[in-house]
């Protein structure tokens, strides 16, 4: 009797990656009181670096040096993007933060379009933002929007640098070396701010869990999924992140949102899905 295994569904892999990221963020937020923002972001990046290097058995070679400037820039952007996001979720519920963060790249994408349908998605997302502010029981002020719009901007740079590094280095190699740069930047800050708490075995284990859930597992799953998943489907799937953030925030952190906030998160998700699903044809040259 021969046992055969089916190829994993790319949509299933991507869904698992999305769930992993959001529960990783919720777990990270649960550690803020013990480690602070800098402590947990430094642990996440450092453990992620170690895990990826161990799993993929990465070694130094000449192409790393040839692309060192792009790798360093990639690492700086990754460190800044995650630090700003953690600073935001320290002040507002996870699902709300994910929704507001989505409006940055969504808005930039829509601004480049002249189609009326994209204007509709923009209005829908705008209604969601209005419903989220003011948010009862949280401090959604200028600082929060600053922290959230920066990951959106850094996210655009991240995509560009990821594509650039990915064209020159195979597999997940470029990301791993960029994470090594991020670790070199963030770990000294984490040690200075969290101090001896970083030596606590329980906190270290949970920090490793954050690294697995937030970086190592989802990025590996996305790499496999994107081999056969159209980019448009990928964009639509990502639109469920705000909803998954709400679920993770409730289950791990006990964050409860009002009906108004839940509707707002749903509107942003629908706008993101619509913009990705019905995006216009790419320009040809």
C-alpha atoms as a PDB file:
ATOM      1  CA  UNK A   1       0.000   0.000   0.000  1.00  0.00           C
ATOM      2  CA  UNK A   2       1.449   3.319  -1.082  1.00  0.00           C
ATOM      3  CA  UNK A   3       0.663   6.431   0.908  1.00  0.00           C
ATOM      4  CA  UNK A   4       0.619   9.647  -1.101  1.00  0.00           C
ATOM      5  CA  UNK A   5       0.485  13.153   0.272  1.00  0.00           C
ATOM      6  CA  UNK A   6      -1.332  15.966  -1.475  1.00  0.00           C
ATOM      7  CA  UNK A   7       0.437  19.227  -2.164  1.00  0.00           C
ATOM      8  CA  UNK A   8      -0.585  21.796   0.452  1.00  0.00           C
ATOM      9  CA  UNK A   9      -3.074  24.384  -0.728  1.00  0.00           C
ATOM     10  CA  UNK A  10      -1.359  27.761  -1.293  1.00  0.00           C
ATOM     11  CA  UNK A  11      -4.444  29.541   0.041  1.00  0.00           C
ATOM     12  CA  UNK A  12      -4.351  27.333   3.131  1.00  0.00           C
ATOM     13  CA  UNK A  13      -0.661  28.084   3.635  1.00  0.00           C
ATOM     14  CA  UNK A  14      -1.262  31.820   3.302  1.00  0.00           C
ATOM     15  CA  UNK A  15      -4.204  31.682   5.702  1.00  0.00           C
ATOM     16  CA  UNK A  16      -2.009  29.885   8.226  1.00  0.00           C
ATOM     17  CA  UNK A  17       0.673  32.560   7.728  1.00  0.00           C
ATOM     18  CA  UNK A  18      -1.857  35.350   8.387  1.00  0.00           C
ATOM     19  CA  UNK A  19      -3.139  33.631  11.528  1.00  0.00           C
ATOM     20  CA  UNK A  20       0.435  33.088  12.701  1.00  0.00           C
ATOM     21  CA  UNK A  21       1.401  36.751  12.256  1.00  0.00           C
ATOM     22  CA  UNK A  22      -1.598  38.113  14.142  1.00  0.00           C
ATOM     23  CA  UNK A  23      -1.294  35.695  17.045  1.00  0.00           C
ATOM     24  CA  UNK A  24       2.413  36.467  17.135  1.00  0.00           C
ATOM     25  CA  UNK A  25       1.611  40.176  17.434  1.00  0.00           C
ATOM     26  CA  UNK A  26      -0.890  39.483  20.216  1.00  0.00           C
ATOM     27  CA  UNK A  27       1.662  37.377  22.080  1.00  0.00           C
ATOM     28  CA  UNK A  28       4.236  40.152  21.659  1.00  0.00           C
ATOM     29  CA  UNK A  29       1.841  42.731  23.091  1.00  0.00           C
ATOM     30  CA  UNK A  30       1.232  40.519  26.128  1.00  0.00           C
ATOM     31  CA  UNK A  31       4.954  40.861  26.920  1.00  0.00           C
ATOM     32  CA  UNK A  32       5.131  44.668  26.773  1.00  0.00           C
ATOM     33  CA  UNK A  33       4.713  45.056  30.540  1.00  0.00           C
ATOM     34  CA  UNK A  34       7.630  42.712  31.205  1.00  0.00           C
ATOM     35  CA  UNK A  35      10.022  43.590  28.392  1.00  0.00           C
ATOM     36  CA  UNK A  36       8.833  46.875  26.935  1.00  0.00           C
ATOM     37  CA  UNK A  37       8.498  47.577  23.227  1.00  0.00           C
ATOM     38  CA  UNK A  38      12.211  47.571  22.512  1.00  0.00           C
ATOM     39  CA  UNK A  39      12.837  44.444  24.519  1.00  0.00           C
ATOM     40  CA  UNK A  40      10.285  42.338  22.678  1.00  0.00           C
ATOM     41  CA  UNK A  41      11.043  43.693  19.190  1.00  0.00           C
ATOM     42  CA  UNK A  42      14.750  42.988  19.735  1.00  0.00           C
ATOM     43  CA  UNK A  43      13.973  39.436  20.886  1.00  0.00           C
ATOM     44  CA  UNK A  44      11.656  38.847  17.945  1.00  0.00           C
ATOM     45  CA  UNK A  45      14.208  39.953  15.373  1.00  0.00           C
ATOM     46  CA  UNK A  46      17.185  38.250  17.050  1.00  0.00           C
ATOM     47  CA  UNK A  47      15.452  34.904  17.512  1.00  0.00           C
ATOM     48  CA  UNK A  48      14.045  35.107  13.967  1.00  0.00           C
ATOM     49  CA  UNK A  49      17.561  35.619  12.627  1.00  0.00           C
ATOM     50  CA  UNK A  50      18.903  32.619  14.546  1.00  0.00           C
ATOM     51  CA  UNK A  51      15.985  30.403  13.473  1.00  0.00           C
ATOM     52  CA  UNK A  52      16.248  31.262   9.779  1.00  0.00           C
ATOM     53  CA  UNK A  53      20.015  30.802   9.708  1.00  0.00           C
ATOM     54  CA  UNK A  54      19.682  27.435  11.446  1.00  0.00           C
ATOM     55  CA  UNK A  55      16.805  26.150   9.297  1.00  0.00           C
ATOM     56  CA  UNK A  56      18.225  27.261   5.969  1.00  0.00           C
ATOM     57  CA  UNK A  57      21.894  26.647   6.882  1.00  0.00           C
ATOM     58  CA  UNK A  58      22.948  29.991   5.491  1.00  0.00           C
ATOM     59  CA  UNK A  59      26.598  30.869   5.016  1.00  0.00           C
ATOM     60  CA  UNK A  60      28.547  33.945   3.989  1.00  0.00           C
ATOM     61  CA  UNK A  61      29.537  34.156   0.309  1.00  0.00           C
ATOM     62  CA  UNK A  62      30.640  36.749  -2.197  1.00  0.00           C
ATOM     63  CA  UNK A  63      27.116  37.740  -3.326  1.00  0.00           C
ATOM     64  CA  UNK A  64      26.343  38.918   0.211  1.00  0.00           C
ATOM     65  CA  UNK A  65      29.191  41.415   0.052  1.00  0.00           C
ATOM     66  CA  UNK A  66      28.225  42.474  -3.481  1.00  0.00           C
ATOM     67  CA  UNK A  67      24.726  43.394  -2.234  1.00  0.00           C
ATOM     68  CA  UNK A  68      25.610  44.583   1.248  1.00  0.00           C
ATOM     69  CA  UNK A  69      24.195  48.101   0.769  1.00  0.00           C
ATOM     70  CA  UNK A  70      20.766  46.805  -0.220  1.00  0.00           C
ATOM     71  CA  UNK A  71      20.838  44.276   2.637  1.00  0.00           C
ATOM     72  CA  UNK A  72      21.701  46.976   5.189  1.00  0.00           C
ATOM     73  CA  UNK A  73      18.936  49.241   3.884  1.00  0.00           C
ATOM     74  CA  UNK A  74      16.514  46.292   4.008  1.00  0.00           C
ATOM     75  CA  UNK A  75      17.500  45.578   7.607  1.00  0.00           C
ATOM     76  CA  UNK A  76      17.080  49.206   8.701  1.00  0.00           C
ATOM     77  CA  UNK A  77      13.621  49.400   7.123  1.00  0.00           C
ATOM     78  CA  UNK A  78      12.551  46.107   8.730  1.00  0.00           C
ATOM     79  CA  UNK A  79      13.682  47.285  12.171  1.00  0.00           C
ATOM     80  CA  UNK A  80      11.912  50.642  11.822  1.00  0.00           C
ATOM     81  CA  UNK A  81       8.691  49.120  10.455  1.00  0.00           C
ATOM     82  CA  UNK A  82       8.298  46.652  13.312  1.00  0.00           C
ATOM     83  CA  UNK A  83       9.318  49.115  16.025  1.00  0.00           C
ATOM     84  CA  UNK A  84       6.711  51.637  14.891  1.00  0.00           C
ATOM     85  CA  UNK A  85       4.003  48.988  14.704  1.00  0.00           C
ATOM     86  CA  UNK A  86       4.724  47.753  18.222  1.00  0.00           C
ATOM     87  CA  UNK A  87       4.655  51.332  19.501  1.00  0.00           C
ATOM     88  CA  UNK A  88       1.153  51.675  18.021  1.00  0.00           C
ATOM     89  CA  UNK A  89      -0.330  48.439  19.385  1.00  0.00           C
ATOM     90  CA  UNK A  90       0.976  49.414  22.806  1.00  0.00           C
ATOM     91  CA  UNK A  91      -1.692  52.144  22.811  1.00  0.00           C
ATOM     92  CA  UNK A  92      -4.657  50.739  20.877  1.00  0.00           C
ATOM     93  CA  UNK A  93      -6.269  47.299  20.255  1.00  0.00           C
ATOM     94  CA  UNK A  94      -4.513  45.019  17.799  1.00  0.00           C
ATOM     95  CA  UNK A  95      -7.410  44.745  15.324  1.00  0.00           C
ATOM     96  CA  UNK A  96      -7.789  48.519  15.176  1.00  0.00           C
ATOM     97  CA  UNK A  97      -4.058  48.996  14.641  1.00  0.00           C
ATOM     98  CA  UNK A  98      -4.036  46.525  11.746  1.00  0.00           C
ATOM     99  CA  UNK A  99      -7.028  48.288  10.170  1.00  0.00           C
ATOM    100  CA  UNK A 100      -5.478  51.741  10.440  1.00  0.00           C
ATOM    101  CA  UNK A 101      -2.140  50.459   9.172  1.00  0.00           C
ATOM    102  CA  UNK A 102      -3.875  49.059   6.082  1.00  0.00           C
ATOM    103  CA  UNK A 103      -5.158  52.493   5.098  1.00  0.00           C
ATOM    104  CA  UNK A 104      -1.635  53.757   4.387  1.00  0.00           C
ATOM    105  CA  UNK A 105      -0.604  51.476   1.492  1.00  0.00           C
ATOM    106  CA  UNK A 106      -4.262  51.191   0.435  1.00  0.00           C
ATOM    107  CA  UNK A 107      -4.525  54.948   0.089  1.00  0.00           C
ATOM    108  CA  UNK A 108      -1.270  55.214  -1.859  1.00  0.00           C
ATOM    109  CA  UNK A 109      -2.390  52.493  -4.272  1.00  0.00           C
ATOM    110  CA  UNK A 110      -5.755  54.157  -4.838  1.00  0.00           C
ATOM    111  CA  UNK A 111      -4.206  57.590  -5.385  1.00  0.00           C
ATOM    112  CA  UNK A 112      -2.330  56.178  -8.377  1.00  0.00           C
ATOM    113  CA  UNK A 113      -5.588  55.093  -9.987  1.00  0.00           C
ATOM    114  CA  UNK A 114      -8.097  57.180 -11.904  1.00  0.00           C
ATOM    115  CA  UNK A 115     -10.933  54.636 -11.899  1.00  0.00           C
ATOM    116  CA  UNK A 116     -14.184  55.474 -10.128  1.00  0.00           C
ATOM    117  CA  UNK A 117     -14.267  52.006  -8.541  1.00  0.00           C
ATOM    118  CA  UNK A 118     -11.025  52.718  -6.686  1.00  0.00           C
ATOM    119  CA  UNK A 119     -12.580  55.936  -5.459  1.00  0.00           C
ATOM    120  CA  UNK A 120     -15.375  53.848  -3.968  1.00  0.00           C
ATOM    121  CA  UNK A 121     -12.847  51.680  -2.068  1.00  0.00           C
ATOM    122  CA  UNK A 122     -11.190  54.852  -0.804  1.00  0.00           C
ATOM    123  CA  UNK A 123     -14.516  56.185   0.489  1.00  0.00           C
ATOM    124  CA  UNK A 124     -15.266  52.853   2.142  1.00  0.00           C
ATOM    125  CA  UNK A 125     -11.895  52.846   3.907  1.00  0.00           C
ATOM    126  CA  UNK A 126     -12.415  56.494   4.874  1.00  0.00           C
ATOM    127  CA  UNK A 127     -15.733  55.668   6.521  1.00  0.00           C
ATOM    128  CA  UNK A 128     -13.943  52.953   8.468  1.00  0.00           C
ATOM    129  CA  UNK A 129     -11.325  55.435   9.700  1.00  0.00           C
ATOM    130  CA  UNK A 130     -14.020  57.911  10.769  1.00  0.00           C
ATOM    131  CA  UNK A 131     -15.782  55.183  12.744  1.00  0.00           C
ATOM    132  CA  UNK A 132     -12.530  54.307  14.498  1.00  0.00           C
ATOM    133  CA  UNK A 133     -11.912  57.845  15.748  1.00  0.00           C
ATOM    134  CA  UNK A 134     -12.403  58.603  18.515  1.00  0.00           C
ATOM    135  CA  UNK A 135     -12.040  55.069  19.867  1.00  0.00           C
ATOM    136  CA  UNK A 136     -13.700  54.473  23.202  1.00  0.00           C
ATOM    137  CA  UNK A 137     -11.279  53.406  25.918  1.00  0.00           C
ATOM    138  CA  UNK A 138      -8.134  54.027  23.861  1.00  0.00           C
ATOM    139  CA  UNK A 139      -5.952  56.977  23.023  1.00  0.00           C
ATOM    140  CA  UNK A 140      -6.081  57.390  19.262  1.00  0.00           C
ATOM    141  CA  UNK A 141      -4.193  60.634  18.847  1.00  0.00           C
ATOM    142  CA  UNK A 142      -1.669  62.111  16.453  1.00  0.00           C
ATOM    143  CA  UNK A 143       1.106  59.929  17.829  1.00  0.00           C
ATOM    144  CA  UNK A 144      -0.817  56.736  17.136  1.00  0.00           C
ATOM    145  CA  UNK A 145      -1.476  57.752  13.543  1.00  0.00           C
ATOM    146  CA  UNK A 146       2.195  58.711  13.228  1.00  0.00           C
ATOM    147  CA  UNK A 147       3.286  55.279  14.457  1.00  0.00           C
ATOM    148  CA  UNK A 148       0.844  53.554  12.121  1.00  0.00           C
ATOM    149  CA  UNK A 149       1.486  55.539   8.962  1.00  0.00           C
ATOM    150  CA  UNK A 150       5.229  54.997   9.295  1.00  0.00           C
ATOM    151  CA  UNK A 151       4.896  51.193   8.989  1.00  0.00           C
ATOM    152  CA  UNK A 152       2.804  51.843   5.887  1.00  0.00           C
ATOM    153  CA  UNK A 153       5.565  53.982   4.389  1.00  0.00           C
ATOM    154  CA  UNK A 154       8.273  51.598   5.543  1.00  0.00           C
ATOM    155  CA  UNK A 155       6.142  48.767   4.160  1.00  0.00           C
ATOM    156  CA  UNK A 156       6.385  50.275   0.669  1.00  0.00           C
ATOM    157  CA  UNK A 157      10.170  50.483   1.032  1.00  0.00           C
ATOM    158  CA  UNK A 158      10.173  46.951   2.426  1.00  0.00           C
ATOM    159  CA  UNK A 159       8.418  45.630  -0.689  1.00  0.00           C
ATOM    160  CA  UNK A 160      10.833  47.429  -3.010  1.00  0.00           C
ATOM    161  CA  UNK A 161      13.929  46.311  -1.124  1.00  0.00           C
ATOM    162  CA  UNK A 162      12.575  42.787  -0.697  1.00  0.00           C
ATOM    163  CA  UNK A 163      12.100  42.514  -4.457  1.00  0.00           C
ATOM    164  CA  UNK A 164      15.544  43.961  -5.115  1.00  0.00           C
ATOM    165  CA  UNK A 165      17.342  41.698  -2.665  1.00  0.00           C
ATOM    166  CA  UNK A 166      15.211  38.703  -3.680  1.00  0.00           C
ATOM    167  CA  UNK A 167      16.333  39.064  -7.298  1.00  0.00           C
ATOM    168  CA  UNK A 168      19.973  38.868  -6.272  1.00  0.00           C
ATOM    169  CA  UNK A 169      19.899  36.313  -3.462  1.00  0.00           C
ATOM    170  CA  UNK A 170      18.082  32.993  -3.551  1.00  0.00           C
ATOM    171  CA  UNK A 171      15.214  31.911  -1.304  1.00  0.00           C
ATOM    172  CA  UNK A 172      14.909  33.485   2.099  1.00  0.00           C
ATOM    173  CA  UNK A 173      18.612  34.322   2.236  1.00  0.00           C
ATOM    174  CA  UNK A 174      18.216  38.056   1.701  1.00  0.00           C
ATOM    175  CA  UNK A 175      15.612  38.346   4.454  1.00  0.00           C
ATOM    176  CA  UNK A 176      17.792  36.405   6.885  1.00  0.00           C
ATOM    177  CA  UNK A 177      20.796  38.660   6.337  1.00  0.00           C
ATOM    178  CA  UNK A 178      18.581  41.754   6.583  1.00  0.00           C
ATOM    179  CA  UNK A 179      17.276  40.429   9.916  1.00  0.00           C
ATOM    180  CA  UNK A 180      20.874  40.062  11.052  1.00  0.00           C
ATOM    181  CA  UNK A 181      21.313  43.788  10.379  1.00  0.00           C
ATOM    182  CA  UNK A 182      18.075  44.536  12.267  1.00  0.00           C
ATOM    183  CA  UNK A 183      19.314  42.462  15.201  1.00  0.00           C
ATOM    184  CA  UNK A 184      22.565  44.400  15.340  1.00  0.00           C
ATOM    185  CA  UNK A 185      20.554  47.639  15.511  1.00  0.00           C
ATOM    186  CA  UNK A 186      17.818  46.580  17.934  1.00  0.00           C
ATOM    187  CA  UNK A 187      19.488  44.191  20.365  1.00  0.00           C
ATOM    188  CA  UNK A 188      21.655  46.860  22.081  1.00  0.00           C
ATOM    189  CA  UNK A 189      18.544  49.032  22.559  1.00  0.00           C
ATOM    190  CA  UNK A 190      16.587  46.064  23.879  1.00  0.00           C
ATOM    191  CA  UNK A 191      19.325  45.178  26.355  1.00  0.00           C
ATOM    192  CA  UNK A 192      19.588  48.780  27.527  1.00  0.00           C
ATOM    193  CA  UNK A 193      15.842  49.157  28.093  1.00  0.00           C
ATOM    194  CA  UNK A 194      14.771  45.673  29.251  1.00  0.00           C
ATOM    195  CA  UNK A 195      17.911  44.842  31.208  1.00  0.00           C
ATOM    196  CA  UNK A 196      17.934  41.646  33.265  1.00  0.00           C
ATOM    197  CA  UNK A 197      14.387  40.772  32.135  1.00  0.00           C
ATOM    198  CA  UNK A 198      15.969  39.442  28.940  1.00  0.00           C
ATOM    199  CA  UNK A 199      17.625  36.718  31.047  1.00  0.00           C
ATOM    200  CA  UNK A 200      14.304  35.387  32.342  1.00  0.00           C
ATOM    201  CA  UNK A 201      13.882  31.864  30.833  1.00  0.00           C
ATOM    202  CA  UNK A 202      10.086  32.176  30.595  1.00  0.00           C
ATOM    203  CA  UNK A 203      10.259  35.515  28.815  1.00  0.00           C
ATOM    204  CA  UNK A 204      13.008  34.275  26.525  1.00  0.00           C
ATOM    205  CA  UNK A 205      10.882  31.261  25.577  1.00  0.00           C
ATOM    206  CA  UNK A 206       7.891  33.483  24.848  1.00  0.00           C
ATOM    207  CA  UNK A 207      10.106  35.826  22.843  1.00  0.00           C
ATOM    208  CA  UNK A 208      11.212  32.842  20.766  1.00  0.00           C
ATOM    209  CA  UNK A 209       7.531  31.994  20.277  1.00  0.00           C
ATOM    210  CA  UNK A 210       6.896  35.514  18.991  1.00  0.00           C
ATOM    211  CA  UNK A 211       9.785  35.102  16.540  1.00  0.00           C
ATOM    212  CA  UNK A 212       8.400  31.816  15.214  1.00  0.00           C
ATOM    213  CA  UNK A 213       4.808  33.060  14.920  1.00  0.00           C
ATOM    214  CA  UNK A 214       5.583  36.555  13.607  1.00  0.00           C
ATOM    215  CA  UNK A 215       8.512  35.945  11.267  1.00  0.00           C
ATOM    216  CA  UNK A 216      10.030  32.504  10.754  1.00  0.00           C
ATOM    217  CA  UNK A 217       6.820  30.520  10.138  1.00  0.00           C
ATOM    218  CA  UNK A 218       4.735  33.046   8.148  1.00  0.00           C
ATOM    219  CA  UNK A 219       7.551  34.165   5.849  1.00  0.00           C
ATOM    220  CA  UNK A 220       8.437  30.554   5.077  1.00  0.00           C
ATOM    221  CA  UNK A 221       4.774  29.718   4.384  1.00  0.00           C
ATOM    222  CA  UNK A 222       4.344  32.787   2.174  1.00  0.00           C
ATOM    223  CA  UNK A 223       7.399  31.835   0.141  1.00  0.00           C
ATOM    224  CA  UNK A 224       5.884  28.427  -0.622  1.00  0.00           C
ATOM    225  CA  UNK A 225       2.390  29.835  -1.267  1.00  0.00           C
ATOM    226  CA  UNK A 226       3.568  32.531  -3.668  1.00  0.00           C
ATOM    227  CA  UNK A 227       5.096  29.939  -5.962  1.00  0.00           C
ATOM    228  CA  UNK A 228       1.616  29.080  -7.258  1.00  0.00           C
ATOM    229  CA  UNK A 229      -0.653  31.809  -5.884  1.00  0.00           C
ATOM    230  CA  UNK A 230      -1.509  34.795  -8.132  1.00  0.00           C
ATOM    231  CA  UNK A 231      -0.493  38.122  -6.602  1.00  0.00           C
ATOM    232  CA  UNK A 232      -4.094  39.389  -6.882  1.00  0.00           C
ATOM    233  CA  UNK A 233      -5.335  36.499  -4.734  1.00  0.00           C
ATOM    234  CA  UNK A 234      -2.505  37.205  -2.312  1.00  0.00           C
ATOM    235  CA  UNK A 235      -3.708  40.799  -1.952  1.00  0.00           C
ATOM    236  CA  UNK A 236      -7.300  39.740  -1.358  1.00  0.00           C
ATOM    237  CA  UNK A 237      -6.232  37.217   1.273  1.00  0.00           C
ATOM    238  CA  UNK A 238      -4.233  39.838   3.158  1.00  0.00           C
ATOM    239  CA  UNK A 239      -7.429  41.850   3.619  1.00  0.00           C
ATOM    240  CA  UNK A 240      -8.553  39.451   6.350  1.00  0.00           C
ATOM    241  CA  UNK A 241      -5.666  40.533   8.584  1.00  0.00           C
ATOM    242  CA  UNK A 242      -7.718  43.175  10.464  1.00  0.00           C
ATOM    243  CA  UNK A 243     -10.374  40.579  11.269  1.00  0.00           C
ATOM    244  CA  UNK A 244      -7.755  38.074  12.365  1.00  0.00           C
ATOM    245  CA  UNK A 245      -6.157  40.794  14.481  1.00  0.00           C
ATOM    246  CA  UNK A 246      -9.490  41.332  16.244  1.00  0.00           C
ATOM    247  CA  UNK A 247      -9.766  37.592  16.932  1.00  0.00           C
ATOM    248  CA  UNK A 248      -6.184  37.287  18.199  1.00  0.00           C
ATOM    249  CA  UNK A 249      -6.552  40.389  20.357  1.00  0.00           C
ATOM    250  CA  UNK A 250      -9.710  38.995  21.939  1.00  0.00           C
ATOM    251  CA  UNK A 251      -8.425  35.457  22.551  1.00  0.00           C
ATOM    252  CA  UNK A 252      -4.956  36.335  23.866  1.00  0.00           C
ATOM    253  CA  UNK A 253      -5.325  39.860  25.253  1.00  0.00           C
ATOM    254  CA  UNK A 254      -9.030  40.014  26.113  1.00  0.00           C
ATOM    255  CA  UNK A 255      -9.478  43.069  23.868  1.00  0.00           C
ATOM    256  CA  UNK A 256     -13.158  43.708  23.229  1.00  0.00           C
ATOM    257  CA  UNK A 257     -14.222  46.127  20.502  1.00  0.00           C
ATOM    258  CA  UNK A 258     -17.502  47.976  20.237  1.00  0.00           C
ATOM    259  CA  UNK A 259     -19.895  47.175  17.393  1.00  0.00           C
ATOM    260  CA  UNK A 260     -18.873  50.464  15.811  1.00  0.00           C
ATOM    261  CA  UNK A 261     -15.187  49.488  15.834  1.00  0.00           C
ATOM    262  CA  UNK A 262     -15.929  46.017  14.501  1.00  0.00           C
ATOM    263  CA  UNK A 263     -17.892  47.508  11.607  1.00  0.00           C
ATOM    264  CA  UNK A 264     -15.012  49.900  10.940  1.00  0.00           C
ATOM    265  CA  UNK A 265     -12.481  47.045  10.797  1.00  0.00           C
ATOM    266  CA  UNK A 266     -14.801  45.145   8.446  1.00  0.00           C
ATOM    267  CA  UNK A 267     -15.135  48.163   6.124  1.00  0.00           C
ATOM    268  CA  UNK A 268     -11.364  48.534   5.875  1.00  0.00           C
ATOM    269  CA  UNK A 269     -11.030  44.810   5.123  1.00  0.00           C
ATOM    270  CA  UNK A 270     -13.687  44.994   2.401  1.00  0.00           C
ATOM    271  CA  UNK A 271     -12.005  48.071   0.892  1.00  0.00           C
ATOM    272  CA  UNK A 272      -8.615  46.336   0.856  1.00  0.00           C
ATOM    273  CA  UNK A 273     -10.096  43.176  -0.662  1.00  0.00           C
ATOM    274  CA  UNK A 274     -11.977  45.149  -3.301  1.00  0.00           C
ATOM    275  CA  UNK A 275      -8.959  47.222  -4.273  1.00  0.00           C
ATOM    276  CA  UNK A 276      -6.860  44.060  -4.636  1.00  0.00           C
ATOM    277  CA  UNK A 277      -9.520  41.997  -6.422  1.00  0.00           C
ATOM    278  CA  UNK A 278     -10.600  44.639  -8.935  1.00  0.00           C
ATOM    279  CA  UNK A 279      -7.286  46.351  -9.535  1.00  0.00           C
ATOM    280  CA  UNK A 280      -6.900  47.779 -12.973  1.00  0.00           C
ATOM    281  CA  UNK A 281      -4.697  46.284 -15.676  1.00  0.00           C
ATOM    282  CA  UNK A 282      -0.997  47.005 -15.450  1.00  0.00           C
ATOM    283  CA  UNK A 283       0.412  49.523 -17.815  1.00  0.00           C
ATOM    284  CA  UNK A 284       2.398  48.138 -20.723  1.00  0.00           C
ATOM    285  CA  UNK A 285       5.394  49.776 -22.308  1.00  0.00           C
END
